[in-house]
Amino acid sequence: IHCHTPATDASGIVKVVMDDLLEYFSEWKLPGHCRVSLACCLNMCGAVHCSDIAILGIHRKPPIINHDDVRTKCEIPNVIRILPDGAIRPDPRNKRIVNDEKC
């Protein structure tokens, strides 16, 4: 699944968690099946809330927009549409405005 708004990079967290839990899964120390999942953002596309243990990444700071890169590398309507609460909106000067209070 390709996430447009990840709050965290999953690889580091998954490595640390699995290193710590490896003995439980490799030596069958748990009484039954146990599912551990990680979601990189609050959208939880992978249904991590259905897992026994769910780890959830959250945004702590508002995004910083590099206006030149956005104009050349992103589809502007998709960038604005990703956040339904209107936290990123177009600016008349052909730039994007981030509303920090909504982030």
PDB file of N, CA and C in Angstrom:
ATOM      1  N   ILE A   1       0.855  -1.169   0.000  1.00  0.00           N
ATOM      2  CA  ILE A   1       0.000   0.000   0.000  1.00  0.00           C
ATOM      3  C   ILE A   1       0.898   1.227   0.000  1.00  0.00           C
ATOM      4  N   HIS A   2       0.583   2.175  -0.861  1.00  0.00           N
ATOM      5  CA  HIS A   2       1.355   3.420  -0.919  1.00  0.00           C
ATOM      6  C   HIS A   2       0.622   4.490  -0.133  1.00  0.00           C
ATOM      7  N   CYS A   3       1.242   5.001   0.897  1.00  0.00           N
ATOM      8  CA  CYS A   3       0.618   6.004   1.758  1.00  0.00           C
ATOM      9  C   CYS A   3       1.094   7.393   1.352  1.00  0.00           C
ATOM     10  N   HIS A   4       0.156   8.314   1.171  1.00  0.00           N
ATOM     11  CA  HIS A   4       0.504   9.676   0.800  1.00  0.00           C
ATOM     12  C   HIS A   4       0.880  10.524   2.008  1.00  0.00           C
ATOM     13  N   THR A   5       0.466  10.121   3.196  1.00  0.00           N
ATOM     14  CA  THR A   5       0.694  10.952   4.381  1.00  0.00           C
ATOM     15  C   THR A   5       1.300  10.164   5.536  1.00  0.00           C
ATOM     16  N   PRO A   6       2.434   9.473   5.336  1.00  0.00           N
ATOM     17  CA  PRO A   6       2.993   8.733   6.457  1.00  0.00           C
ATOM     18  C   PRO A   6       3.531   9.668   7.530  1.00  0.00           C
ATOM     19  N   ALA A   7       3.296   9.306   8.763  1.00  0.00           N
ATOM     20  CA  ALA A   7       3.804  10.104   9.880  1.00  0.00           C
ATOM     21  C   ALA A   7       5.141   9.579  10.365  1.00  0.00           C
ATOM     22  N   THR A   8       5.449   8.349  10.027  1.00  0.00           N
ATOM     23  CA  THR A   8       6.695   7.751  10.483  1.00  0.00           C
ATOM     24  C   THR A   8       7.178   6.749   9.453  1.00  0.00           C
ATOM     25  N   ASP A   9       8.437   6.427   9.511  1.00  0.00           N
ATOM     26  CA  ASP A   9       9.008   5.399   8.656  1.00  0.00           C
ATOM     27  C   ASP A   9       8.923   4.080   9.412  1.00  0.00           C
ATOM     28  N   ALA A  10       8.267   3.116   8.828  1.00  0.00           N
ATOM     29  CA  ALA A  10       7.979   1.869   9.528  1.00  0.00           C
ATOM     30  C   ALA A  10       9.213   1.008   9.764  1.00  0.00           C
ATOM     31  N   SER A  11      10.195   1.058   8.899  1.00  0.00           N
ATOM     32  CA  SER A  11      11.290   0.092   8.958  1.00  0.00           C
ATOM     33  C   SER A  11      12.048   0.111  10.284  1.00  0.00           C
ATOM     34  N   GLY A  12      12.356   1.270  10.815  1.00  0.00           N
ATOM     35  CA  GLY A  12      13.101   1.338  12.074  1.00  0.00           C
ATOM     36  C   GLY A  12      12.312   0.814  13.255  1.00  0.00           C
ATOM     37  N   ILE A  13      11.046   1.191  13.331  1.00  0.00           N
ATOM     38  CA  ILE A  13      10.194   0.750  14.446  1.00  0.00           C
ATOM     39  C   ILE A  13       9.958  -0.751  14.377  1.00  0.00           C
ATOM     40  N   VAL A  14       9.676  -1.265  13.185  1.00  0.00           N
ATOM     41  CA  VAL A  14       9.435  -2.706  13.029  1.00  0.00           C
ATOM     42  C   VAL A  14      10.680  -3.493  13.406  1.00  0.00           C
ATOM     43  N   LYS A  15      11.844  -3.034  13.005  1.00  0.00           N
ATOM     44  CA  LYS A  15      13.092  -3.732  13.346  1.00  0.00           C
ATOM     45  C   LYS A  15      13.288  -3.802  14.856  1.00  0.00           C
ATOM     46  N   VAL A  16      13.087  -2.694  15.555  1.00  0.00           N
ATOM     47  CA  VAL A  16      13.275  -2.673  17.009  1.00  0.00           C
ATOM     48  C   VAL A  16      12.263  -3.580  17.702  1.00  0.00           C
ATOM     49  N   VAL A  17      10.998  -3.499  17.296  1.00  0.00           N
ATOM     50  CA  VAL A  17       9.952  -4.318  17.927  1.00  0.00           C
ATOM     51  C   VAL A  17      10.201  -5.800  17.672  1.00  0.00           C
ATOM     52  N   MET A  18      10.521  -6.166  16.441  1.00  0.00           N
ATOM     53  CA  MET A  18      10.726  -7.583  16.139  1.00  0.00           C
ATOM     54  C   MET A  18      12.001  -8.124  16.785  1.00  0.00           C
ATOM     55  N   ASP A  19      13.031  -7.301  16.911  1.00  0.00           N
ATOM     56  CA  ASP A  19      14.226  -7.751  17.635  1.00  0.00           C
ATOM     57  C   ASP A  19      13.885  -8.071  19.084  1.00  0.00           C
ATOM     58  N   ASP A  20      13.018  -7.269  19.674  1.00  0.00           N
ATOM     59  CA  ASP A  20      12.637  -7.475  21.067  1.00  0.00           C
ATOM     60  C   ASP A  20      11.685  -8.664  21.233  1.00  0.00           C
ATOM     61  N   LEU A  21      10.820  -8.893  20.258  1.00  0.00           N
ATOM     62  CA  LEU A  21       9.817  -9.957  20.372  1.00  0.00           C
ATOM     63  C   LEU A  21      10.229 -11.264  19.702  1.00  0.00           C
ATOM     64  N   LEU A  22      11.398 -11.320  19.097  1.00  0.00           N
ATOM     65  CA  LEU A  22      11.818 -12.493  18.332  1.00  0.00           C
ATOM     66  C   LEU A  22      11.746 -13.783  19.141  1.00  0.00           C
ATOM     67  N   GLU A  23      12.193 -13.758  20.366  1.00  0.00           N
ATOM     68  CA  GLU A  23      12.194 -14.984  21.173  1.00  0.00           C
ATOM     69  C   GLU A  23      10.785 -15.525  21.396  1.00  0.00           C
ATOM     70  N   TYR A  24       9.798 -14.649  21.498  1.00  0.00           N
ATOM     71  CA  TYR A  24       8.425 -15.100  21.712  1.00  0.00           C
ATOM     72  C   TYR A  24       7.866 -15.799  20.481  1.00  0.00           C
ATOM     73  N   PHE A  25       8.250 -15.318  19.296  1.00  0.00           N
ATOM     74  CA  PHE A  25       7.726 -15.907  18.070  1.00  0.00           C
ATOM     75  C   PHE A  25       8.550 -17.097  17.592  1.00  0.00           C
ATOM     76  N   SER A  26       9.846 -17.107  17.846  1.00  0.00           N
ATOM     77  CA  SER A  26      10.680 -18.211  17.370  1.00  0.00           C
ATOM     78  C   SER A  26      10.633 -19.422  18.296  1.00  0.00           C
ATOM     79  N   GLU A  27      10.356 -19.221  19.576  1.00  0.00           N
ATOM     80  CA  GLU A  27      10.328 -20.331  20.530  1.00  0.00           C
ATOM     81  C   GLU A  27       8.918 -20.690  20.982  1.00  0.00           C
ATOM     82  N   TRP A  28       7.927 -20.127  20.332  1.00  0.00           N
ATOM     83  CA  TRP A  28       6.515 -20.438  20.613  1.00  0.00           C
ATOM     84  C   TRP A  28       6.174 -20.265  22.089  1.00  0.00           C
ATOM     85  N   LYS A  29       6.551 -19.135  22.679  1.00  0.00           N
ATOM     86  CA  LYS A  29       6.282 -18.877  24.090  1.00  0.00           C
ATOM     87  C   LYS A  29       4.878 -18.338  24.345  1.00  0.00           C
ATOM     88  N   LEU A  30       4.198 -17.917  23.300  1.00  0.00           N
ATOM     89  CA  LEU A  30       2.856 -17.348  23.469  1.00  0.00           C
ATOM     90  C   LEU A  30       1.805 -18.453  23.442  1.00  0.00           C
ATOM     91  N   PRO A  31       0.705 -18.312  24.177  1.00  0.00           N
ATOM     92  CA  PRO A  31      -0.311 -19.362  24.238  1.00  0.00           C
ATOM     93  C   PRO A  31      -1.118 -19.512  22.950  1.00  0.00           C
ATOM     94  N   GLY A  32      -1.095 -18.531  22.081  1.00  0.00           N
ATOM     95  CA  GLY A  32      -1.852 -18.598  20.826  1.00  0.00           C
ATOM     96  C   GLY A  32      -1.237 -17.661  19.806  1.00  0.00           C
ATOM     97  N   HIS A  33      -1.913 -17.549  18.671  1.00  0.00           N
ATOM     98  CA  HIS A  33      -1.428 -16.646  17.629  1.00  0.00           C
ATOM     99  C   HIS A  33      -1.489 -15.208  18.119  1.00  0.00           C
ATOM    100  N   CYS A  34      -0.504 -14.430  17.750  1.00  0.00           N
ATOM    101  CA  CYS A  34      -0.446 -13.018  18.132  1.00  0.00           C
ATOM    102  C   CYS A  34      -0.063 -12.215  16.894  1.00  0.00           C
ATOM    103  N   ARG A  35      -0.872 -11.204  16.592  1.00  0.00           N
ATOM    104  CA  ARG A  35      -0.607 -10.373  15.421  1.00  0.00           C
ATOM    105  C   ARG A  35      -0.142  -8.994  15.889  1.00  0.00           C
ATOM    106  N   VAL A  36       1.024  -8.569  15.395  1.00  0.00           N
ATOM    107  CA  VAL A  36       1.581  -7.256  15.699  1.00  0.00           C
ATOM    108  C   VAL A  36       1.612  -6.469  14.394  1.00  0.00           C
ATOM    109  N   SER A  37       1.052  -5.262  14.403  1.00  0.00           N
ATOM    110  CA  SER A  37       1.004  -4.443  13.190  1.00  0.00           C
ATOM    111  C   SER A  37       1.434  -3.018  13.489  1.00  0.00           C
ATOM    112  N   LEU A  38       1.892  -2.338  12.440  1.00  0.00           N
ATOM    113  CA  LEU A  38       2.294  -0.942  12.554  1.00  0.00           C
ATOM    114  C   LEU A  38       1.581  -0.135  11.482  1.00  0.00           C
ATOM    115  N   ALA A  39       0.989   0.978  11.874  1.00  0.00           N
ATOM    116  CA  ALA A  39       0.395   1.923  10.927  1.00  0.00           C
ATOM    117  C   ALA A  39       1.252   3.175  10.930  1.00  0.00           C
ATOM    118  N   CYS A  40       1.562   3.660   9.749  1.00  0.00           N
ATOM    119  CA  CYS A  40       2.425   4.844   9.642  1.00  0.00           C
ATOM    120  C   CYS A  40       1.666   6.149   9.825  1.00  0.00           C
ATOM    121  N   CYS A  41       0.334   6.097   9.879  1.00  0.00           N
ATOM    122  CA  CYS A  41      -0.448   7.323  10.074  1.00  0.00           C
ATOM    123  C   CYS A  41      -1.801   6.960  10.684  1.00  0.00           C
ATOM    124  N   LEU A  42      -2.590   7.957  10.982  1.00  0.00           N
ATOM    125  CA  LEU A  42      -3.886   7.735  11.628  1.00  0.00           C
ATOM    126  C   LEU A  42      -4.934   7.124  10.710  1.00  0.00           C
ATOM    127  N   ASN A  43      -4.680   7.083   9.391  1.00  0.00           N
ATOM    128  CA  ASN A  43      -5.650   6.488   8.470  1.00  0.00           C
ATOM    129  C   ASN A  43      -5.767   4.981   8.661  1.00  0.00           C
ATOM    130  N   MET A  44      -4.722   4.347   9.130  1.00  0.00           N
ATOM    131  CA  MET A  44      -4.680   2.907   9.409  1.00  0.00           C
ATOM    132  C   MET A  44      -5.190   2.078   8.234  1.00  0.00           C
ATOM    133  N   CYS A  45      -4.603   2.283   7.053  1.00  0.00           N
ATOM    134  CA  CYS A  45      -5.018   1.573   5.835  1.00  0.00           C
ATOM    135  C   CYS A  45      -4.934   0.055   5.983  1.00  0.00           C
ATOM    136  N   GLY A  46      -3.982  -0.435   6.725  1.00  0.00           N
ATOM    137  CA  GLY A  46      -3.774  -1.871   6.847  1.00  0.00           C
ATOM    138  C   GLY A  46      -4.584  -2.530   7.940  1.00  0.00           C
ATOM    139  N   ALA A  47      -5.578  -1.860   8.476  1.00  0.00           N
ATOM    140  CA  ALA A  47      -6.461  -2.392   9.523  1.00  0.00           C
ATOM    141  C   ALA A  47      -5.675  -2.877  10.736  1.00  0.00           C
ATOM    142  N   VAL A  48      -4.727  -2.076  11.183  1.00  0.00           N
ATOM    143  CA  VAL A  48      -3.927  -2.471  12.336  1.00  0.00           C
ATOM    144  C   VAL A  48      -4.756  -2.533  13.608  1.00  0.00           C
ATOM    145  N   HIS A  49      -5.881  -1.849  13.630  1.00  0.00           N
ATOM    146  CA  HIS A  49      -6.730  -1.876  14.823  1.00  0.00           C
ATOM    147  C   HIS A  49      -7.323  -3.260  15.055  1.00  0.00           C
ATOM    148  N   CYS A  50      -7.232  -4.143  14.072  1.00  0.00           N
ATOM    149  CA  CYS A  50      -7.717  -5.523  14.225  1.00  0.00           C
ATOM    150  C   CYS A  50      -6.641  -6.441  14.800  1.00  0.00           C
ATOM    151  N   SER A  51      -5.470  -5.922  15.064  1.00  0.00           N
ATOM    152  CA  SER A  51      -4.365  -6.729  15.566  1.00  0.00           C
ATOM    153  C   SER A  51      -4.404  -6.830  17.081  1.00  0.00           C
ATOM    154  N   ASP A  52      -3.643  -7.794  17.597  1.00  0.00           N
ATOM    155  CA  ASP A  52      -3.519  -7.933  19.046  1.00  0.00           C
ATOM    156  C   ASP A  52      -2.700  -6.783  19.630  1.00  0.00           C
ATOM    157  N   ILE A  53      -1.635  -6.420  18.940  1.00  0.00           N
ATOM    158  CA  ILE A  53      -0.804  -5.288  19.338  1.00  0.00           C
ATOM    159  C   ILE A  53      -0.698  -4.367  18.129  1.00  0.00           C
ATOM    160  N   ALA A  54      -1.108  -3.114  18.290  1.00  0.00           N
ATOM    161  CA  ALA A  54      -1.051  -2.146  17.195  1.00  0.00           C
ATOM    162  C   ALA A  54      -0.170  -0.974  17.600  1.00  0.00           C
ATOM    163  N   ILE A  55       0.731  -0.602  16.718  1.00  0.00           N
ATOM    164  CA  ILE A  55       1.599   0.552  16.925  1.00  0.00           C
ATOM    165  C   ILE A  55       1.193   1.585  15.885  1.00  0.00           C
ATOM    166  N   LEU A  56       0.998   2.820  16.328  1.00  0.00           N
ATOM    167  CA  LEU A  56       0.463   3.848  15.447  1.00  0.00           C
ATOM    168  C   LEU A  56       1.372   5.067  15.420  1.00  0.00           C
ATOM    169  N   GLY A  57       1.779   5.475  14.225  1.00  0.00           N
ATOM    170  CA  GLY A  57       2.583   6.687  14.069  1.00  0.00           C
ATOM    171  C   GLY A  57       1.682   7.903  13.988  1.00  0.00           C
ATOM    172  N   ILE A  58       2.102   8.986  14.610  1.00  0.00           N
ATOM    173  CA  ILE A  58       1.299  10.209  14.571  1.00  0.00           C
ATOM    174  C   ILE A  58       2.165  11.376  14.112  1.00  0.00           C
ATOM    175  N   HIS A  59       1.518  12.375  13.501  1.00  0.00           N
ATOM    176  CA  HIS A  59       2.210  13.597  13.112  1.00  0.00           C
ATOM    177  C   HIS A  59       2.372  14.469  14.345  1.00  0.00           C
ATOM    178  N   ARG A  60       3.567  14.956  14.594  1.00  0.00           N
ATOM    179  CA  ARG A  60       3.811  15.828  15.741  1.00  0.00           C
ATOM    180  C   ARG A  60       4.004  17.277  15.335  1.00  0.00           C
ATOM    181  N   LYS A  61       4.399  17.523  14.097  1.00  0.00           N
ATOM    182  CA  LYS A  61       4.654  18.880  13.628  1.00  0.00           C
ATOM    183  C   LYS A  61       3.925  19.096  12.307  1.00  0.00           C
ATOM    184  N   PRO A  62       3.512  20.324  12.030  1.00  0.00           N
ATOM    185  CA  PRO A  62       2.887  20.597  10.732  1.00  0.00           C
ATOM    186  C   PRO A  62       3.893  20.416   9.599  1.00  0.00           C
ATOM    187  N   PRO A  63       3.418  20.073   8.404  1.00  0.00           N
ATOM    188  CA  PRO A  63       4.347  19.872   7.287  1.00  0.00           C
ATOM    189  C   PRO A  63       4.980  21.184   6.835  1.00  0.00           C
ATOM    190  N   ILE A  64       6.185  21.078   6.329  1.00  0.00           N
ATOM    191  CA  ILE A  64       6.874  22.222   5.738  1.00  0.00           C
ATOM    192  C   ILE A  64       6.847  22.014   4.230  1.00  0.00           C
ATOM    193  N   ILE A  65       6.384  22.998   3.508  1.00  0.00           N
ATOM    194  CA  ILE A  65       6.217  22.853   2.063  1.00  0.00           C
ATOM    195  C   ILE A  65       7.373  23.535   1.341  1.00  0.00           C
ATOM    196  N   ASN A  66       8.030  22.796   0.471  1.00  0.00           N
ATOM    197  CA  ASN A  66       9.008  23.369  -0.441  1.00  0.00           C
ATOM    198  C   ASN A  66       8.238  23.692  -1.717  1.00  0.00           C
ATOM    199  N   HIS A  67       7.843  24.939  -1.895  1.00  0.00           N
ATOM    200  CA  HIS A  67       6.924  25.328  -2.964  1.00  0.00           C
ATOM    201  C   HIS A  67       7.451  24.995  -4.356  1.00  0.00           C
ATOM    202  N   ASP A  68       8.741  25.118  -4.581  1.00  0.00           N
ATOM    203  CA  ASP A  68       9.292  24.818  -5.903  1.00  0.00           C
ATOM    204  C   ASP A  68       9.167  23.336  -6.227  1.00  0.00           C
ATOM    205  N   ASP A  69       9.437  22.468  -5.253  1.00  0.00           N
ATOM    206  CA  ASP A  69       9.314  21.030  -5.484  1.00  0.00           C
ATOM    207  C   ASP A  69       7.861  20.611  -5.667  1.00  0.00           C
ATOM    208  N   VAL A  70       6.960  21.182  -4.900  1.00  0.00           N
ATOM    209  CA  VAL A  70       5.545  20.817  -5.022  1.00  0.00           C
ATOM    210  C   VAL A  70       5.039  21.148  -6.417  1.00  0.00           C
ATOM    211  N   ARG A  71       5.414  22.297  -6.931  1.00  0.00           N
ATOM    212  CA  ARG A  71       4.941  22.735  -8.237  1.00  0.00           C
ATOM    213  C   ARG A  71       5.421  21.800  -9.349  1.00  0.00           C
ATOM    214  N   THR A  72       6.624  21.239  -9.227  1.00  0.00           N
ATOM    215  CA  THR A  72       7.186  20.423 -10.297  1.00  0.00           C
ATOM    216  C   THR A  72       7.017  18.922 -10.092  1.00  0.00           C
ATOM    217  N   LYS A  73       6.780  18.463  -8.856  1.00  0.00           N
ATOM    218  CA  LYS A  73       6.770  17.024  -8.594  1.00  0.00           C
ATOM    219  C   LYS A  73       5.449  16.466  -8.097  1.00  0.00           C
ATOM    220  N   CYS A  74       4.488  17.318  -7.743  1.00  0.00           N
ATOM    221  CA  CYS A  74       3.235  16.838  -7.157  1.00  0.00           C
ATOM    222  C   CYS A  74       2.043  17.313  -7.971  1.00  0.00           C
ATOM    223  N   GLU A  75       0.980  16.535  -7.923  1.00  0.00           N
ATOM    224  CA  GLU A  75      -0.283  16.974  -8.491  1.00  0.00           C
ATOM    225  C   GLU A  75      -0.982  17.789  -7.410  1.00  0.00           C
ATOM    226  N   ILE A  76      -1.084  19.091  -7.618  1.00  0.00           N
ATOM    227  CA  ILE A  76      -1.583  20.010  -6.598  1.00  0.00           C
ATOM    228  C   ILE A  76      -2.970  19.624  -6.074  1.00  0.00           C
ATOM    229  N   PRO A  77      -3.941  19.257  -6.931  1.00  0.00           N
ATOM    230  CA  PRO A  77      -5.256  18.875  -6.375  1.00  0.00           C
ATOM    231  C   PRO A  77      -5.173  17.691  -5.414  1.00  0.00           C
ATOM    232  N   ASN A  78      -4.282  16.731  -5.690  1.00  0.00           N
ATOM    233  CA  ASN A  78      -4.125  15.587  -4.785  1.00  0.00           C
ATOM    234  C   ASN A  78      -3.513  16.007  -3.454  1.00  0.00           C
ATOM    235  N   VAL A  79      -2.557  16.920  -3.491  1.00  0.00           N
ATOM    236  CA  VAL A  79      -1.929  17.399  -2.251  1.00  0.00           C
ATOM    237  C   VAL A  79      -2.971  18.060  -1.363  1.00  0.00           C
ATOM    238  N   ILE A  80      -3.835  18.873  -1.959  1.00  0.00           N
ATOM    239  CA  ILE A  80      -4.861  19.585  -1.194  1.00  0.00           C
ATOM    240  C   ILE A  80      -5.964  18.639  -0.742  1.00  0.00           C
ATOM    241  N   ARG A  81      -6.332  17.678  -1.577  1.00  0.00           N
ATOM    242  CA  ARG A  81      -7.438  16.765  -1.288  1.00  0.00           C
ATOM    243  C   ARG A  81      -7.092  15.737  -0.209  1.00  0.00           C
ATOM    244  N   ILE A  82      -5.833  15.439  -0.010  1.00  0.00           N
ATOM    245  CA  ILE A  82      -5.426  14.424   0.966  1.00  0.00           C
ATOM    246  C   ILE A  82      -5.927  14.766   2.363  1.00  0.00           C
ATOM    247  N   LEU A  83      -5.901  16.043   2.721  1.00  0.00           N
ATOM    248  CA  LEU A  83      -6.339  16.465   4.051  1.00  0.00           C
ATOM    249  C   LEU A  83      -7.746  17.041   3.959  1.00  0.00           C
ATOM    250  N   PRO A  84      -8.758  16.278   4.367  1.00  0.00           N
ATOM    251  CA  PRO A  84     -10.141  16.717   4.202  1.00  0.00           C
ATOM    252  C   PRO A  84     -10.518  17.930   5.042  1.00  0.00           C
ATOM    253  N   ASP A  85      -9.759  18.239   6.080  1.00  0.00           N
ATOM    254  CA  ASP A  85     -10.112  19.379   6.931  1.00  0.00           C
ATOM    255  C   ASP A  85      -9.567  20.702   6.406  1.00  0.00           C
ATOM    256  N   GLY A  86      -8.953  20.700   5.239  1.00  0.00           N
ATOM    257  CA  GLY A  86      -8.489  21.936   4.624  1.00  0.00           C
ATOM    258  C   GLY A  86      -7.236  22.517   5.247  1.00  0.00           C
ATOM    259  N   ALA A  87      -6.394  21.687   5.819  1.00  0.00           N
ATOM    260  CA  ALA A  87      -5.177  22.188   6.457  1.00  0.00           C
ATOM    261  C   ALA A  87      -4.193  22.736   5.426  1.00  0.00           C
ATOM    262  N   ILE A  88      -4.196  22.176   4.222  1.00  0.00           N
ATOM    263  CA  ILE A  88      -3.379  22.711   3.138  1.00  0.00           C
ATOM    264  C   ILE A  88      -4.336  23.236   2.081  1.00  0.00           C
ATOM    265  N   ARG A  89      -4.162  24.500   1.710  1.00  0.00           N
ATOM    266  CA  ARG A  89      -5.058  25.088   0.715  1.00  0.00           C
ATOM    267  C   ARG A  89      -4.244  25.941  -0.251  1.00  0.00           C
ATOM    268  N   PRO A  90      -4.792  26.201  -1.452  1.00  0.00           N
ATOM    269  CA  PRO A  90      -4.036  27.009  -2.417  1.00  0.00           C
ATOM    270  C   PRO A  90      -3.957  28.467  -1.994  1.00  0.00           C
ATOM    271  N   ASP A  91      -2.911  29.107  -2.432  1.00  0.00           N
ATOM    272  CA  ASP A  91      -2.694  30.528  -2.171  1.00  0.00           C
ATOM    273  C   ASP A  91      -2.771  31.261  -3.514  1.00  0.00           C
ATOM    274  N   PRO A  92      -3.346  32.448  -3.562  1.00  0.00           N
ATOM    275  CA  PRO A  92      -3.446  33.175  -4.839  1.00  0.00           C
ATOM    276  C   PRO A  92      -2.101  33.430  -5.525  1.00  0.00           C
ATOM    277  N   ARG A  93      -1.007  33.421  -4.784  1.00  0.00           N
ATOM    278  CA  ARG A  93       0.316  33.645  -5.374  1.00  0.00           C
ATOM    279  C   ARG A  93       0.912  32.359  -5.935  1.00  0.00           C
ATOM    280  N   ASN A  94       0.065  31.374  -6.240  1.00  0.00           N
ATOM    281  CA  ASN A  94       0.491  30.094  -6.819  1.00  0.00           C
ATOM    282  C   ASN A  94       1.392  29.309  -5.865  1.00  0.00           C
ATOM    283  N   LYS A  95       1.075  29.380  -4.584  1.00  0.00           N
ATOM    284  CA  LYS A  95       1.783  28.596  -3.576  1.00  0.00           C
ATOM    285  C   LYS A  95       0.746  27.904  -2.702  1.00  0.00           C
ATOM    286  N   ARG A  96       1.189  27.133  -1.728  1.00  0.00           N
ATOM    287  CA  ARG A  96       0.294  26.440  -0.809  1.00  0.00           C
ATOM    288  C   ARG A  96       0.441  27.067   0.561  1.00  0.00           C
ATOM    289  N   ILE A  97      -0.670  27.101   1.307  1.00  0.00           N
ATOM    290  CA  ILE A  97      -0.663  27.613   2.674  1.00  0.00           C
ATOM    291  C   ILE A  97      -0.999  26.459   3.614  1.00  0.00           C
ATOM    292  N   VAL A  98      -0.225  26.302   4.678  1.00  0.00           N
ATOM    293  CA  VAL A  98      -0.491  25.279   5.684  1.00  0.00           C
ATOM    294  C   VAL A  98      -1.103  25.963   6.895  1.00  0.00           C
ATOM    295  N   ASN A  99      -2.290  25.505   7.296  1.00  0.00           N
ATOM    296  CA  ASN A  99      -2.948  26.013   8.494  1.00  0.00           C
ATOM    297  C   ASN A  99      -2.470  25.161   9.671  1.00  0.00           C
ATOM    298  N   ASP A 100      -1.539  25.691  10.464  1.00  0.00           N
ATOM    299  CA  ASP A 100      -0.927  24.922  11.555  1.00  0.00           C
ATOM    300  C   ASP A 100      -1.935  24.472  12.605  1.00  0.00           C
ATOM    301  N   GLU A 101      -2.995  25.233  12.826  1.00  0.00           N
ATOM    302  CA  GLU A 101      -3.984  24.872  13.844  1.00  0.00           C
ATOM    303  C   GLU A 101      -4.759  23.616  13.466  1.00  0.00           C
ATOM    304  N   LYS A 102      -4.908  23.338  12.170  1.00  0.00           N
ATOM    305  CA  LYS A 102      -5.655  22.159  11.734  1.00  0.00           C
ATOM    306  C   LYS A 102      -4.777  20.926  11.615  1.00  0.00           C
ATOM    307  N   CYS A 103      -3.467  21.108  11.695  1.00  0.00           N
ATOM    308  CA  CYS A 103      -2.561  19.967  11.564  1.00  0.00           C
ATOM    309  C   CYS A 103      -2.376  19.282  12.903  1.00  0.00           C
TER     310      CYS A 103
END
